[in-house]
Amino acid sequence: MHRFYVDNCSQSDTGIMITGNDVNHIRNVLRLSKGEEIMISDGSKREYLCRIREIRTDSVTADIIDIFDNAAELPTKITLFQGMPKSDKLEFVIQKAVELGVYSIVPVMTKRTVVKLDKDRAAKKLERYNAISQSAAKQSGRGLIPEVKNFMDFKAAVDLASAMDMMIIPYEEAKGIQESRQVISEIRGKREIGIFIGPEGGFAREEIEYAVQKGAKIITLGNRILRTETAGLAVLSVIMFEIEE
């Protein structure tokens, strides 16, 4: 069933109104008609099964059939702090991270980040990244659209994550897998965690030292070397399996 996101949904007699780019998608791409059923999310965990009442050039109005909670969201809000990779790798990471249940994504400029962005390029990329997140959220049945936040430098990102319940960083010099399993098991019951993934060149030692001072837990992902676009998805997969309800 086709899914759309509308803020501040209500059960008023006027129904739920969809505006913006989704109207064109409904009318001209999907070619939906009056009477067809769609799913609308309010951007949190509430879902509305609706029937299209009216389609106009600038809006679509739907009547609510049923209301229920979305089961696709993880009990822990996970923010992925992804070291900015080269090329379009971040687009792939965003798409798959959203499918795996991430709550938000922060592109991080580290000491070894190769990509350099001016203000205009950064704004355009951010717009595209959030469009990718929205598309992936629809495809995977998410109850919310994970936000891709503005670019941050590493220190600012760590300072932000230090206020979360847990901060995790995969690093090649971490201790054995058993200790890493223990760290992952401690995530259950946490409200909010941050995961840091380095760019192609990894993190500089002084970055790791700063993060540890701020409370980060260092883990290993095993004996194999993972690419930057693989590492975050590997961690998210393990965490999703651990905390899924």
C-alpha atoms as a PDB file:
ATOM      1  CA  MET A   1       0.000   0.000   0.000  1.00  0.00           C
ATOM      2  CA  HIS A   2       1.269   3.459  -0.877  1.00  0.00           C
ATOM      3  CA  ARG A   3       2.513   5.500   2.094  1.00  0.00           C
ATOM      4  CA  PHE A   4       2.613   9.263   2.624  1.00  0.00           C
ATOM      5  CA  TYR A   5       3.684  11.545   5.470  1.00  0.00           C
ATOM      6  CA  VAL A   6       1.551  14.379   6.811  1.00  0.00           C
ATOM      7  CA  ASP A   7       2.303  16.371   9.970  1.00  0.00           C
ATOM      8  CA  ASN A   8      -0.458  16.991  12.521  1.00  0.00           C
ATOM      9  CA  CYS A   9      -2.928  14.391  11.288  1.00  0.00           C
ATOM     10  CA  SER A  10      -6.340  14.553  12.944  1.00  0.00           C
ATOM     11  CA  GLN A  11      -9.755  12.939  12.906  1.00  0.00           C
ATOM     12  CA  SER A  12     -11.605  16.106  11.933  1.00  0.00           C
ATOM     13  CA  ASP A  13     -14.550  16.068   9.514  1.00  0.00           C
ATOM     14  CA  THR A  14     -12.324  17.667   6.896  1.00  0.00           C
ATOM     15  CA  GLY A  15     -10.155  14.538   6.762  1.00  0.00           C
ATOM     16  CA  ILE A  16      -6.407  14.506   6.177  1.00  0.00           C
ATOM     17  CA  MET A  17      -5.059  16.765   3.446  1.00  0.00           C
ATOM     18  CA  ILE A  18      -1.933  15.959   1.451  1.00  0.00           C
ATOM     19  CA  THR A  19      -0.137  18.830  -0.281  1.00  0.00           C
ATOM     20  CA  GLY A  20       3.228  19.436  -1.936  1.00  0.00           C
ATOM     21  CA  ASN A  21       5.120  17.049  -4.209  1.00  0.00           C
ATOM     22  CA  ASP A  22       3.066  14.044  -3.118  1.00  0.00           C
ATOM     23  CA  VAL A  23       0.019  15.440  -4.922  1.00  0.00           C
ATOM     24  CA  ASN A  24       1.720  15.166  -8.297  1.00  0.00           C
ATOM     25  CA  HIS A  25       2.971  11.707  -7.361  1.00  0.00           C
ATOM     26  CA  ILE A  26      -0.556  10.555  -6.484  1.00  0.00           C
ATOM     27  CA  ARG A  27      -2.220  12.132  -9.533  1.00  0.00           C
ATOM     28  CA  ASN A  28       0.289  11.685 -12.319  1.00  0.00           C
ATOM     29  CA  VAL A  29       2.699   8.936 -11.285  1.00  0.00           C
ATOM     30  CA  LEU A  30       0.672   6.470  -9.239  1.00  0.00           C
ATOM     31  CA  ARG A  31      -2.575   7.582 -10.923  1.00  0.00           C
ATOM     32  CA  LEU A  32      -4.592   6.824  -7.809  1.00  0.00           C
ATOM     33  CA  SER A  33      -8.325   7.474  -7.877  1.00  0.00           C
ATOM     34  CA  LYS A  34     -11.084   8.488  -5.512  1.00  0.00           C
ATOM     35  CA  GLY A  35     -11.986   5.585  -3.243  1.00  0.00           C
ATOM     36  CA  GLU A  36      -8.560   3.958  -3.221  1.00  0.00           C
ATOM     37  CA  GLU A  37      -6.894   3.260   0.115  1.00  0.00           C
ATOM     38  CA  ILE A  38      -3.551   4.739   1.192  1.00  0.00           C
ATOM     39  CA  MET A  39      -1.485   4.793   4.368  1.00  0.00           C
ATOM     40  CA  ILE A  40      -0.631   8.120   6.010  1.00  0.00           C
ATOM     41  CA  SER A  41       1.901   8.561   8.807  1.00  0.00           C
ATOM     42  CA  ASP A  42       1.997  11.562  11.111  1.00  0.00           C
ATOM     43  CA  GLY A  43       5.787  11.458  11.274  1.00  0.00           C
ATOM     44  CA  SER A  44       5.958   9.719  14.638  1.00  0.00           C
ATOM     45  CA  LYS A  45       4.506   6.276  15.358  1.00  0.00           C
ATOM     46  CA  ARG A  46       0.870   6.852  14.459  1.00  0.00           C
ATOM     47  CA  GLU A  47      -0.522   5.379  11.241  1.00  0.00           C
ATOM     48  CA  TYR A  48      -3.774   6.233   9.475  1.00  0.00           C
ATOM     49  CA  LEU A  49      -5.433   3.887   7.022  1.00  0.00           C
ATOM     50  CA  CYS A  50      -7.312   6.246   4.708  1.00  0.00           C
ATOM     51  CA  ARG A  51      -9.578   6.289   1.673  1.00  0.00           C
ATOM     52  CA  ILE A  52      -9.110   9.030  -0.923  1.00  0.00           C
ATOM     53  CA  ARG A  53     -12.106  11.356  -0.943  1.00  0.00           C
ATOM     54  CA  GLU A  54     -11.000  14.046  -3.387  1.00  0.00           C
ATOM     55  CA  ILE A  55      -8.070  14.725  -5.711  1.00  0.00           C
ATOM     56  CA  ARG A  56      -7.381  18.298  -6.810  1.00  0.00           C
ATOM     57  CA  THR A  57      -4.487  19.865  -8.685  1.00  0.00           C
ATOM     58  CA  ASP A  58      -2.882  21.121  -5.455  1.00  0.00           C
ATOM     59  CA  SER A  59      -4.188  18.774  -2.763  1.00  0.00           C
ATOM     60  CA  VAL A  60      -5.531  15.321  -1.983  1.00  0.00           C
ATOM     61  CA  THR A  61      -8.067  14.796   0.815  1.00  0.00           C
ATOM     62  CA  ALA A  62      -8.539  11.409   2.467  1.00  0.00           C
ATOM     63  CA  ASP A  63     -10.970  10.073   5.080  1.00  0.00           C
ATOM     64  CA  ILE A  64      -9.651   8.062   8.022  1.00  0.00           C
ATOM     65  CA  ILE A  65     -10.711   4.406   8.122  1.00  0.00           C
ATOM     66  CA  ASP A  66      -8.546   3.176  10.988  1.00  0.00           C
ATOM     67  CA  ILE A  67      -5.767   4.348  13.294  1.00  0.00           C
ATOM     68  CA  PHE A  68      -2.989   2.252  14.792  1.00  0.00           C
ATOM     69  CA  ASP A  69       0.599   2.432  15.987  1.00  0.00           C
ATOM     70  CA  ASN A  70       3.439   1.813  13.561  1.00  0.00           C
ATOM     71  CA  ALA A  71       5.535  -1.222  14.519  1.00  0.00           C
ATOM     72  CA  ALA A  72       8.490  -0.403  12.260  1.00  0.00           C
ATOM     73  CA  GLU A  73      10.316   1.895  14.682  1.00  0.00           C
ATOM     74  CA  LEU A  74      13.035   0.595  16.964  1.00  0.00           C
ATOM     75  CA  PRO A  75      12.680   1.227  20.718  1.00  0.00           C
ATOM     76  CA  THR A  76      16.029   3.060  20.733  1.00  0.00           C
ATOM     77  CA  LYS A  77      16.721   6.197  18.690  1.00  0.00           C
ATOM     78  CA  ILE A  78      19.932   5.547  16.764  1.00  0.00           C
ATOM     79  CA  THR A  79      21.883   8.389  15.192  1.00  0.00           C
ATOM     80  CA  LEU A  80      24.495   7.416  12.625  1.00  0.00           C
ATOM     81  CA  PHE A  81      27.446   9.824  12.580  1.00  0.00           C
ATOM     82  CA  GLN A  82      28.933   8.924   9.221  1.00  0.00           C
ATOM     83  CA  GLY A  83      32.393  10.146   8.252  1.00  0.00           C
ATOM     84  CA  MET A  84      31.836  11.853   4.903  1.00  0.00           C
ATOM     85  CA  PRO A  85      32.908   9.385   2.180  1.00  0.00           C
ATOM     86  CA  LYS A  86      33.951  10.068  -1.395  1.00  0.00           C
ATOM     87  CA  SER A  87      31.684   9.947  -4.447  1.00  0.00           C
ATOM     88  CA  ASP A  88      28.010   9.153  -3.832  1.00  0.00           C
ATOM     89  CA  LYS A  89      28.612   6.481  -1.185  1.00  0.00           C
ATOM     90  CA  LEU A  90      26.687   8.446   1.456  1.00  0.00           C
ATOM     91  CA  GLU A  91      23.528   8.175  -0.647  1.00  0.00           C
ATOM     92  CA  PHE A  92      23.761   4.391  -0.447  1.00  0.00           C
ATOM     93  CA  VAL A  93      24.459   4.526   3.300  1.00  0.00           C
ATOM     94  CA  ILE A  94      21.439   6.776   3.917  1.00  0.00           C
ATOM     95  CA  GLN A  95      19.092   4.549   1.947  1.00  0.00           C
ATOM     96  CA  LYS A  96      20.139   1.353   3.705  1.00  0.00           C
ATOM     97  CA  ALA A  97      20.461   2.903   7.169  1.00  0.00           C
ATOM     98  CA  VAL A  98      16.875   4.145   6.929  1.00  0.00           C
ATOM     99  CA  GLU A  99      15.745   0.657   5.935  1.00  0.00           C
ATOM    100  CA  LEU A 100      17.541  -0.737   8.994  1.00  0.00           C
ATOM    101  CA  GLY A 101      15.786   1.634  11.407  1.00  0.00           C
ATOM    102  CA  VAL A 102      18.155   4.561  11.998  1.00  0.00           C
ATOM    103  CA  TYR A 103      16.528   7.610  13.606  1.00  0.00           C
ATOM    104  CA  SER A 104      18.801  10.282  12.125  1.00  0.00           C
ATOM    105  CA  ILE A 105      22.037  10.643  10.181  1.00  0.00           C
ATOM    106  CA  VAL A 106      24.801  13.221  10.580  1.00  0.00           C
ATOM    107  CA  PRO A 107      27.486  13.585   7.887  1.00  0.00           C
ATOM    108  CA  VAL A 108      30.757  14.203   9.740  1.00  0.00           C
ATOM    109  CA  MET A 109      33.852  15.957   8.416  1.00  0.00           C
ATOM    110  CA  THR A 110      36.846  14.241  10.007  1.00  0.00           C
ATOM    111  CA  LYS A 111      40.589  14.806   9.815  1.00  0.00           C
ATOM    112  CA  ARG A 112      40.876  12.214   7.028  1.00  0.00           C
ATOM    113  CA  THR A 113      37.795  13.264   5.077  1.00  0.00           C
ATOM    114  CA  VAL A 114      38.782  13.895   1.469  1.00  0.00           C
ATOM    115  CA  VAL A 115      35.582  15.597   0.306  1.00  0.00           C
ATOM    116  CA  LYS A 116      35.477  19.391   0.575  1.00  0.00           C
ATOM    117  CA  LEU A 117      32.154  21.203   0.249  1.00  0.00           C
ATOM    118  CA  ASP A 118      31.334  24.872   0.007  1.00  0.00           C
ATOM    119  CA  LYS A 119      28.103  26.192   1.499  1.00  0.00           C
ATOM    120  CA  ASP A 120      26.071  25.938  -1.706  1.00  0.00           C
ATOM    121  CA  ARG A 121      27.164  22.393  -2.514  1.00  0.00           C
ATOM    122  CA  ALA A 122      26.529  21.302   1.051  1.00  0.00           C
ATOM    123  CA  ALA A 123      22.977  22.686   0.954  1.00  0.00           C
ATOM    124  CA  LYS A 124      22.199  20.921  -2.331  1.00  0.00           C
ATOM    125  CA  LYS A 125      23.595  17.631  -1.082  1.00  0.00           C
ATOM    126  CA  LEU A 126      21.619  17.893   2.144  1.00  0.00           C
ATOM    127  CA  GLU A 127      18.417  18.431   0.188  1.00  0.00           C
ATOM    128  CA  ARG A 128      19.115  15.356  -1.922  1.00  0.00           C
ATOM    129  CA  TYR A 129      20.067  13.273   1.112  1.00  0.00           C
ATOM    130  CA  ASN A 130      16.762  14.027   2.824  1.00  0.00           C
ATOM    131  CA  ALA A 131      14.845  13.170  -0.343  1.00  0.00           C
ATOM    132  CA  ILE A 132      16.622   9.794  -0.377  1.00  0.00           C
ATOM    133  CA  SER A 133      15.714   9.293   3.277  1.00  0.00           C
ATOM    134  CA  GLN A 134      12.060  10.025   2.582  1.00  0.00           C
ATOM    135  CA  SER A 135      11.964   7.596  -0.335  1.00  0.00           C
ATOM    136  CA  ALA A 136      13.621   4.853   1.725  1.00  0.00           C
ATOM    137  CA  ALA A 137      11.241   5.487   4.636  1.00  0.00           C
ATOM    138  CA  LYS A 138       8.237   5.038   2.355  1.00  0.00           C
ATOM    139  CA  GLN A 139       9.647   1.873   0.814  1.00  0.00           C
ATOM    140  CA  SER A 140      10.433   0.255   4.166  1.00  0.00           C
ATOM    141  CA  GLY A 141       7.195   1.224   5.919  1.00  0.00           C
ATOM    142  CA  ARG A 142       8.768   3.535   8.463  1.00  0.00           C
ATOM    143  CA  GLY A 143       6.543   5.571  10.770  1.00  0.00           C
ATOM    144  CA  LEU A 144       8.820   8.599  10.451  1.00  0.00           C
ATOM    145  CA  ILE A 145      11.283  10.091   8.003  1.00  0.00           C
ATOM    146  CA  PRO A 146      14.805  10.015   9.475  1.00  0.00           C
ATOM    147  CA  GLU A 147      16.417  13.434   9.176  1.00  0.00           C
ATOM    148  CA  VAL A 148      19.793  13.861   7.556  1.00  0.00           C
ATOM    149  CA  LYS A 149      21.193  16.707   9.606  1.00  0.00           C
ATOM    150  CA  ASN A 150      23.664  19.387   8.612  1.00  0.00           C
ATOM    151  CA  PHE A 151      27.363  18.599   8.214  1.00  0.00           C
ATOM    152  CA  MET A 152      29.404  18.691  11.447  1.00  0.00           C
ATOM    153  CA  ASP A 153      33.070  18.535  12.280  1.00  0.00           C
ATOM    154  CA  PHE A 154      34.168  15.557  14.352  1.00  0.00           C
ATOM    155  CA  LYS A 155      34.567  17.334  17.678  1.00  0.00           C
ATOM    156  CA  ALA A 156      31.136  18.958  17.469  1.00  0.00           C
ATOM    157  CA  ALA A 157      29.583  15.609  16.565  1.00  0.00           C
ATOM    158  CA  VAL A 158      31.204  13.865  19.538  1.00  0.00           C
ATOM    159  CA  ASP A 159      30.101  16.648  21.858  1.00  0.00           C
ATOM    160  CA  LEU A 160      26.544  16.185  20.597  1.00  0.00           C
ATOM    161  CA  ALA A 161      26.661  12.408  20.988  1.00  0.00           C
ATOM    162  CA  SER A 162      28.147  12.624  24.485  1.00  0.00           C
ATOM    163  CA  ALA A 163      24.720  13.732  25.732  1.00  0.00           C
ATOM    164  CA  MET A 164      23.166  10.483  24.464  1.00  0.00           C
ATOM    165  CA  ASP A 165      22.855   7.334  26.548  1.00  0.00           C
ATOM    166  CA  MET A 166      25.673   5.597  24.680  1.00  0.00           C
ATOM    167  CA  MET A 167      28.263   6.373  22.001  1.00  0.00           C
ATOM    168  CA  ILE A 168      29.846   3.535  19.974  1.00  0.00           C
ATOM    169  CA  ILE A 169      32.797   3.606  17.578  1.00  0.00           C
ATOM    170  CA  PRO A 170      34.043   0.597  15.590  1.00  0.00           C
ATOM    171  CA  TYR A 171      37.849   0.822  15.489  1.00  0.00           C
ATOM    172  CA  GLU A 172      40.534  -1.534  14.233  1.00  0.00           C
ATOM    173  CA  GLU A 173      42.467  -1.453  17.520  1.00  0.00           C
ATOM    174  CA  ALA A 174      39.466  -2.369  19.687  1.00  0.00           C
ATOM    175  CA  LYS A 175      39.614  -5.329  22.064  1.00  0.00           C
ATOM    176  CA  GLY A 176      38.184  -8.783  21.288  1.00  0.00           C
ATOM    177  CA  ILE A 177      34.778  -9.670  19.958  1.00  0.00           C
ATOM    178  CA  GLN A 178      33.447 -10.826  23.340  1.00  0.00           C
ATOM    179  CA  GLU A 179      33.827  -7.352  24.822  1.00  0.00           C
ATOM    180  CA  SER A 180      32.158  -5.895  21.754  1.00  0.00           C
ATOM    181  CA  ARG A 181      29.238  -8.296  22.168  1.00  0.00           C
ATOM    182  CA  GLN A 182      28.893  -7.110  25.745  1.00  0.00           C
ATOM    183  CA  VAL A 183      28.773  -3.469  24.613  1.00  0.00           C
ATOM    184  CA  ILE A 184      26.078  -4.266  22.045  1.00  0.00           C
ATOM    185  CA  SER A 185      24.015  -6.112  24.663  1.00  0.00           C
ATOM    186  CA  GLU A 186      24.061  -3.009  26.866  1.00  0.00           C
ATOM    187  CA  ILE A 187      22.140  -1.033  24.246  1.00  0.00           C
ATOM    188  CA  ARG A 188      18.846  -2.693  25.143  1.00  0.00           C
ATOM    189  CA  GLY A 189      16.820  -0.282  27.248  1.00  0.00           C
ATOM    190  CA  LYS A 190      18.751   2.806  26.119  1.00  0.00           C
ATOM    191  CA  ARG A 191      16.685   5.687  24.753  1.00  0.00           C
ATOM    192  CA  GLU A 192      19.235   7.208  22.397  1.00  0.00           C
ATOM    193  CA  ILE A 193      22.639   6.132  21.082  1.00  0.00           C
ATOM    194  CA  GLY A 194      25.173   7.434  18.582  1.00  0.00           C
ATOM    195  CA  ILE A 195      27.281   5.330  16.211  1.00  0.00           C
ATOM    196  CA  PHE A 196      30.421   6.797  14.637  1.00  0.00           C
ATOM    197  CA  ILE A 197      31.827   5.482  11.362  1.00  0.00           C
ATOM    198  CA  GLY A 198      35.047   6.825   9.879  1.00  0.00           C
ATOM    199  CA  PRO A 199      35.610   7.823   6.228  1.00  0.00           C
ATOM    200  CA  GLU A 200      37.749   5.761   3.835  1.00  0.00           C
ATOM    201  CA  GLY A 201      40.940   6.509   5.787  1.00  0.00           C
ATOM    202  CA  GLY A 202      39.394   5.770   9.163  1.00  0.00           C
ATOM    203  CA  PHE A 203      39.660   7.924  12.267  1.00  0.00           C
ATOM    204  CA  ALA A 204      42.871   9.606  13.374  1.00  0.00           C
ATOM    205  CA  ARG A 205      44.156   8.389  16.731  1.00  0.00           C
ATOM    206  CA  GLU A 206      43.584  11.788  18.349  1.00  0.00           C
ATOM    207  CA  GLU A 207      39.939  11.654  17.261  1.00  0.00           C
ATOM    208  CA  ILE A 208      39.480   8.289  18.938  1.00  0.00           C
ATOM    209  CA  GLU A 209      41.196   9.562  22.067  1.00  0.00           C
ATOM    210  CA  TYR A 210      38.886  12.580  22.211  1.00  0.00           C
ATOM    211  CA  ALA A 211      35.805  10.396  21.758  1.00  0.00           C
ATOM    212  CA  VAL A 212      36.918   8.005  24.506  1.00  0.00           C
ATOM    213  CA  GLN A 213      37.433  10.962  26.847  1.00  0.00           C
ATOM    214  CA  LYS A 214      33.828  11.901  26.101  1.00  0.00           C
ATOM    215  CA  GLY A 215      32.591   8.423  27.008  1.00  0.00           C
ATOM    216  CA  ALA A 216      32.659   6.546  23.706  1.00  0.00           C
ATOM    217  CA  LYS A 217      32.832   2.751  23.769  1.00  0.00           C
ATOM    218  CA  ILE A 218      35.182   1.215  21.203  1.00  0.00           C
ATOM    219  CA  ILE A 219      34.126  -2.034  19.520  1.00  0.00           C
ATOM    220  CA  THR A 220      35.420  -4.382  16.858  1.00  0.00           C
ATOM    221  CA  LEU A 221      33.413  -5.688  13.913  1.00  0.00           C
ATOM    222  CA  GLY A 222      35.519  -8.821  13.580  1.00  0.00           C
ATOM    223  CA  ASN A 223      38.679  -9.825  11.770  1.00  0.00           C
ATOM    224  CA  ARG A 224      37.722  -8.461   8.367  1.00  0.00           C
ATOM    225  CA  ILE A 225      38.306  -4.918   7.114  1.00  0.00           C
ATOM    226  CA  LEU A 226      35.017  -3.293   6.137  1.00  0.00           C
ATOM    227  CA  ARG A 227      34.549  -0.359   3.794  1.00  0.00           C
ATOM    228  CA  THR A 228      33.083   2.823   5.247  1.00  0.00           C
ATOM    229  CA  GLU A 229      29.792   2.211   3.427  1.00  0.00           C
ATOM    230  CA  THR A 230      29.598  -1.297   4.921  1.00  0.00           C
ATOM    231  CA  ALA A 231      30.685  -0.708   8.522  1.00  0.00           C
ATOM    232  CA  GLY A 232      27.737   1.414   9.655  1.00  0.00           C
ATOM    233  CA  LEU A 233      25.226  -0.941   8.080  1.00  0.00           C
ATOM    234  CA  ALA A 234      26.893  -3.900   9.793  1.00  0.00           C
ATOM    235  CA  VAL A 235      26.592  -2.215  13.203  1.00  0.00           C
ATOM    236  CA  LEU A 236      22.986  -1.200  12.561  1.00  0.00           C
ATOM    237  CA  SER A 237      22.077  -4.737  11.537  1.00  0.00           C
ATOM    238  CA  VAL A 238      23.527  -6.193  14.733  1.00  0.00           C
ATOM    239  CA  ILE A 239      21.818  -3.579  16.907  1.00  0.00           C
ATOM    240  CA  MET A 240      18.479  -3.978  15.137  1.00  0.00           C
ATOM    241  CA  PHE A 241      18.550  -7.719  15.772  1.00  0.00           C
ATOM    242  CA  GLU A 242      19.518  -7.145  19.418  1.00  0.00           C
ATOM    243  CA  ILE A 243      16.838  -4.594  20.353  1.00  0.00           C
ATOM    244  CA  GLU A 244      13.944  -5.329  17.968  1.00  0.00           C
ATOM    245  CA  GLU A 245      10.706  -5.873  19.856  1.00  0.00           C
END
